[in-house]
Amino acid sequence: MVTFAAAETNPSAISASSTIDLPSFTIAGVNDCVTPPASNQLPMFNALQSSCKNYLGITGGSHCQMANSNFFCSVGEGSCSPSPTITRAQQHQIIYSYLNLWLDYYLKENCVSGELFEALKTSDNENVTNSNCQLCENLSLTNSSPTILFNVTPNPFKEVITVKSDTKTHFEYRLFDLKANKILEGKAINEIQLETSFLSSGIYFLTVIQHQQKKTVKLIKH
């Protein structure tokens, strides 16, 4: 179940949420002045009985920008505050970056998408995230190990990225796009440069595997 800027209703949607145990993804706009998260989406999220539920609060995101442009919605939203501080396209990009991976995990049982969803959530310092679970937590490899030390530069990148291990040992790497498609993979010792001029602008994920442990970082191409 996925909800976008869901509103409290009569009968109560918050009360009804307590009867739902489906995997759930609650998406809200932090600057939503029509259905503010504090009195709408957050109480619903908290009431859900799902064993795996996720919440995304888009910083600067608004109510009407959850969907395509609508005159009547915009008129109503224009009478309250705060106003959105990001564009509709930016808000949709944030939604898609999370939702595509979440749906791919649940509808196609793609564990890589689950891993990338968790990596995106962990590395997101701009938006509000909350959950009571971890997608693909029963992995044979340990995720986000502090013993894996490496640098990826530059980030954001354009033509080339350099992956360098701080421990000067063998490591494996895998580069994924937002749909969990594997773009590049290989092995290296200490350092490798990856040519990326063929990639389009957007968000990517680099997973490094070392000593049977792995860590994933989010990359942005301009």
Protein backbone atom coordinates (compact mmCIF):
# COMPACT_ATOMS: atom_id res chain seq x y z
CA MET A 1 0.00 0.00 0.00
CA VAL A 2 1.33 3.43 -0.98
CA THR A 3 -0.29 6.72 0.01
CA PHE A 4 0.53 10.23 -1.25
CA ALA A 5 -0.32 13.14 1.09
CA ALA A 6 -3.24 11.14 2.51
CA ALA A 7 -5.88 13.12 4.43
CA GLU A 8 -7.74 12.37 7.63
CA THR A 9 -11.39 11.67 6.78
CA ASN A 10 -14.77 10.99 8.37
CA PRO A 11 -14.97 8.07 9.16
CA SER A 12 -11.39 8.30 10.36
CA ALA A 13 -8.60 7.15 8.05
CA ILE A 14 -6.27 7.22 11.04
CA SER A 15 -8.49 4.72 12.89
CA ALA A 16 -8.77 2.59 9.76
CA SER A 17 -4.99 2.48 9.50
CA SER A 18 -4.88 0.42 12.67
CA THR A 19 -6.56 -2.43 10.77
CA ILE A 20 -3.96 -2.53 7.97
CA ASP A 21 -1.02 -4.93 8.11
CA LEU A 22 0.13 -4.75 4.47
CA PRO A 23 3.65 -3.60 3.63
CA SER A 24 3.14 0.18 3.49
CA PHE A 25 4.87 3.27 2.19
CA THR A 26 3.55 6.62 3.45
CA ILE A 27 4.71 9.63 1.40
CA ALA A 28 4.19 13.17 2.67
CA GLY A 29 5.26 16.72 1.84
CA VAL A 30 6.86 18.52 4.77
CA ASN A 31 5.44 21.84 3.45
CA ASP A 32 1.96 20.39 2.90
CA CYS A 33 -0.42 23.05 4.24
CA VAL A 34 -3.57 21.26 3.00
CA THR A 35 -3.05 18.00 4.88
CA PRO A 36 -0.10 18.68 7.22
CA PRO A 37 1.87 15.52 8.07
CA ALA A 38 1.62 16.07 11.83
CA SER A 39 -2.18 15.74 11.79
CA ASN A 40 -2.62 13.45 8.79
CA GLN A 41 0.11 11.18 7.40
CA LEU A 42 2.19 10.72 10.56
CA PRO A 43 -0.74 9.54 12.75
CA MET A 44 -1.73 7.14 9.95
CA PHE A 45 1.81 5.83 9.69
CA ASN A 46 2.05 5.35 13.45
CA ALA A 47 -1.29 3.53 13.54
CA LEU A 48 -0.38 1.03 10.81
CA GLN A 49 0.08 -2.54 12.01
CA SER A 50 2.40 -3.40 9.13
CA SER A 51 5.42 -5.53 9.99
CA CYS A 52 7.27 -3.44 7.42
CA LYS A 53 6.26 0.19 6.97
CA ASN A 54 8.21 3.14 5.60
CA TYR A 55 7.65 6.89 5.81
CA LEU A 56 9.08 9.58 3.54
CA GLY A 57 8.64 13.26 4.32
CA ILE A 58 9.83 15.33 1.36
CA THR A 59 11.51 18.49 2.60
CA GLY A 60 9.99 21.49 0.81
CA GLY A 61 7.38 19.26 -0.84
CA SER A 62 3.73 20.29 -0.99
CA HIS A 63 0.31 18.67 -1.27
CA CYS A 64 -0.58 19.53 -4.87
CA GLN A 65 2.88 18.73 -6.21
CA MET A 66 2.31 15.06 -5.41
CA ALA A 67 0.35 14.89 -8.68
CA ASN A 68 0.23 16.63 -12.06
CA SER A 69 -0.67 20.30 -12.17
CA ASN A 70 -4.31 20.97 -11.21
CA PHE A 71 -5.82 24.45 -11.20
CA PHE A 72 -8.31 23.90 -8.37
CA CYS A 73 -5.76 22.20 -6.13
CA SER A 74 -3.31 25.06 -6.71
CA VAL A 75 -5.97 27.65 -5.86
CA GLY A 76 -6.78 25.90 -2.60
CA GLU A 77 -3.14 25.45 -1.68
CA GLY A 78 -2.42 29.08 -2.48
CA SER A 79 -4.58 30.16 0.45
CA CYS A 80 -2.42 28.50 3.11
CA SER A 81 1.23 28.27 4.10
CA PRO A 82 4.00 27.19 4.04
CA SER A 83 4.50 27.20 0.30
CA PRO A 84 6.62 24.58 -1.47
CA THR A 85 10.33 25.32 -1.69
CA ILE A 86 11.08 22.75 -4.40
CA THR A 87 9.57 22.35 -7.86
CA ARG A 88 7.02 19.76 -8.92
CA ALA A 89 9.68 18.03 -11.03
CA GLN A 90 12.06 17.87 -8.05
CA GLN A 91 9.34 16.45 -5.83
CA HIS A 92 8.45 13.79 -8.41
CA GLN A 93 12.12 12.85 -8.81
CA ILE A 94 12.42 12.22 -5.07
CA ILE A 95 9.22 10.15 -5.12
CA TYR A 96 10.35 8.06 -8.07
CA SER A 97 13.82 7.48 -6.66
CA TYR A 98 12.31 5.80 -3.60
CA LEU A 99 9.10 4.34 -4.98
CA ASN A 100 10.56 2.56 -8.02
CA LEU A 101 12.93 0.62 -5.78
CA TRP A 102 10.26 -0.10 -3.16
CA LEU A 103 7.80 -1.44 -5.75
CA ASP A 104 10.49 -3.42 -7.52
CA TYR A 105 11.34 -5.12 -4.24
CA TYR A 106 7.77 -6.01 -3.32
CA LEU A 107 6.29 -6.74 -6.75
CA LYS A 108 9.28 -8.49 -8.33
CA GLU A 109 10.98 -9.81 -5.15
CA ASN A 110 14.16 -8.05 -6.25
CA CYS A 111 16.41 -8.05 -3.22
CA VAL A 112 18.95 -5.76 -4.90
CA SER A 113 16.24 -3.10 -5.14
CA GLY A 114 15.59 -3.56 -1.42
CA GLU A 115 19.26 -3.05 -0.66
CA LEU A 116 19.40 0.07 -2.79
CA PHE A 117 16.25 1.42 -1.14
CA GLU A 118 17.96 1.05 2.24
CA ALA A 119 21.12 2.69 0.92
CA LEU A 120 19.13 5.62 -0.44
CA LYS A 121 17.32 6.03 2.87
CA THR A 122 20.53 5.85 4.90
CA SER A 123 22.35 8.41 2.74
CA ASP A 124 19.44 10.88 2.55
CA ASN A 125 20.35 13.88 4.69
CA GLU A 126 17.69 16.17 3.20
CA ASN A 127 14.36 14.38 3.62
CA VAL A 128 12.62 12.76 6.60
CA THR A 129 12.56 8.95 6.68
CA ASN A 130 11.25 6.46 9.21
CA SER A 131 10.64 2.71 9.20
CA ASN A 132 10.25 -0.33 11.44
CA CYS A 133 12.08 -2.76 9.14
CA GLN A 134 14.93 -3.26 6.71
CA LEU A 135 14.35 -4.59 3.21
CA CYS A 136 16.43 -7.67 2.43
CA GLU A 137 17.80 -7.88 5.96
CA ASN A 138 18.48 -11.62 5.71
CA LEU A 139 21.50 -11.27 3.45
CA SER A 140 24.52 -13.55 3.48
CA LEU A 141 26.78 -10.51 3.40
CA THR A 142 26.86 -7.88 6.11
CA ASN A 143 25.69 -4.43 4.98
CA SER A 144 27.28 -1.07 5.79
CA SER A 145 30.20 -2.55 7.67
CA PRO A 146 32.42 0.03 9.34
CA THR A 147 35.45 -2.13 8.39
CA ILE A 148 34.98 -1.26 4.72
CA LEU A 149 36.81 1.99 4.10
CA PHE A 150 36.80 3.49 0.62
CA ASN A 151 36.35 6.80 -1.15
CA VAL A 152 34.44 7.58 -4.33
CA THR A 153 35.41 10.85 -6.02
CA PRO A 154 34.11 13.11 -7.31
CA ASN A 155 30.50 13.03 -6.14
CA PRO A 156 28.60 14.53 -7.95
CA PHE A 157 30.49 13.25 -11.00
CA LYS A 158 30.51 13.80 -14.77
CA GLU A 159 32.85 11.64 -16.87
CA VAL A 160 34.93 9.49 -14.51
CA ILE A 161 34.70 8.28 -10.93
CA THR A 162 37.61 6.95 -8.87
CA VAL A 163 37.02 4.19 -6.34
CA LYS A 164 39.87 3.87 -3.86
CA SER A 165 40.19 1.47 -0.95
CA ASP A 166 41.88 2.78 2.19
CA THR A 167 43.18 -0.69 3.05
CA LYS A 168 44.95 -1.41 -0.26
CA THR A 169 43.31 -4.80 -0.69
CA HIS A 170 41.12 -6.57 -3.26
CA PHE A 171 37.53 -5.44 -3.59
CA GLU A 172 34.58 -6.01 -5.89
CA TYR A 173 32.36 -3.22 -7.17
CA ARG A 174 28.90 -3.01 -8.72
CA LEU A 175 27.26 0.10 -10.13
CA PHE A 176 23.44 0.21 -10.29
CA ASP A 177 20.90 2.69 -11.62
CA LEU A 178 17.69 3.71 -9.85
CA LYS A 179 15.84 0.70 -11.27
CA ALA A 180 18.41 -1.67 -9.78
CA ASN A 181 19.86 -2.46 -13.21
CA LYS A 182 23.50 -3.46 -12.94
CA ILE A 183 25.56 -1.16 -15.18
CA LEU A 184 29.14 -2.02 -14.28
CA GLU A 185 30.87 -4.63 -12.15
CA GLY A 186 34.38 -5.88 -11.63
CA LYS A 187 37.31 -6.37 -9.28
CA ALA A 188 40.20 -4.15 -8.35
CA ILE A 189 43.13 -3.77 -5.99
CA ASN A 190 43.37 -0.54 -4.03
CA GLU A 191 42.04 1.80 -6.74
CA ILE A 192 40.15 1.89 -10.04
CA GLN A 193 38.80 4.57 -12.36
CA LEU A 194 35.41 3.98 -13.97
CA GLU A 195 34.52 5.73 -17.22
CA THR A 196 30.94 7.00 -16.93
CA SER A 197 30.46 9.39 -19.84
CA PHE A 198 27.82 7.07 -21.33
CA LEU A 199 25.55 7.44 -18.31
CA SER A 200 22.67 9.90 -18.30
CA SER A 201 22.23 12.41 -15.47
CA GLY A 202 20.61 11.04 -12.34
CA ILE A 203 21.12 8.96 -9.20
CA TYR A 204 23.25 5.82 -9.08
CA PHE A 205 24.46 3.41 -6.41
CA LEU A 206 27.92 1.92 -6.01
CA THR A 207 28.27 -1.22 -3.91
CA VAL A 208 31.73 -2.28 -2.73
CA ILE A 209 32.28 -5.82 -1.44
CA GLN A 210 35.33 -6.57 0.65
CA HIS A 211 36.08 -9.37 3.12
CA GLN A 212 32.56 -10.81 2.69
CA GLN A 213 31.07 -7.51 3.73
CA LYS A 214 29.57 -4.75 1.64
CA LYS A 215 28.65 -1.10 1.68
CA THR A 216 26.59 0.97 -0.75
CA VAL A 217 26.85 4.71 -1.45
CA LYS A 218 24.63 7.02 -3.47
CA LEU A 219 26.18 8.87 -6.40
CA ILE A 220 24.82 11.73 -8.47
CA LYS A 221 25.73 12.43 -12.08
CA HIS A 222 25.28 15.96 -13.37
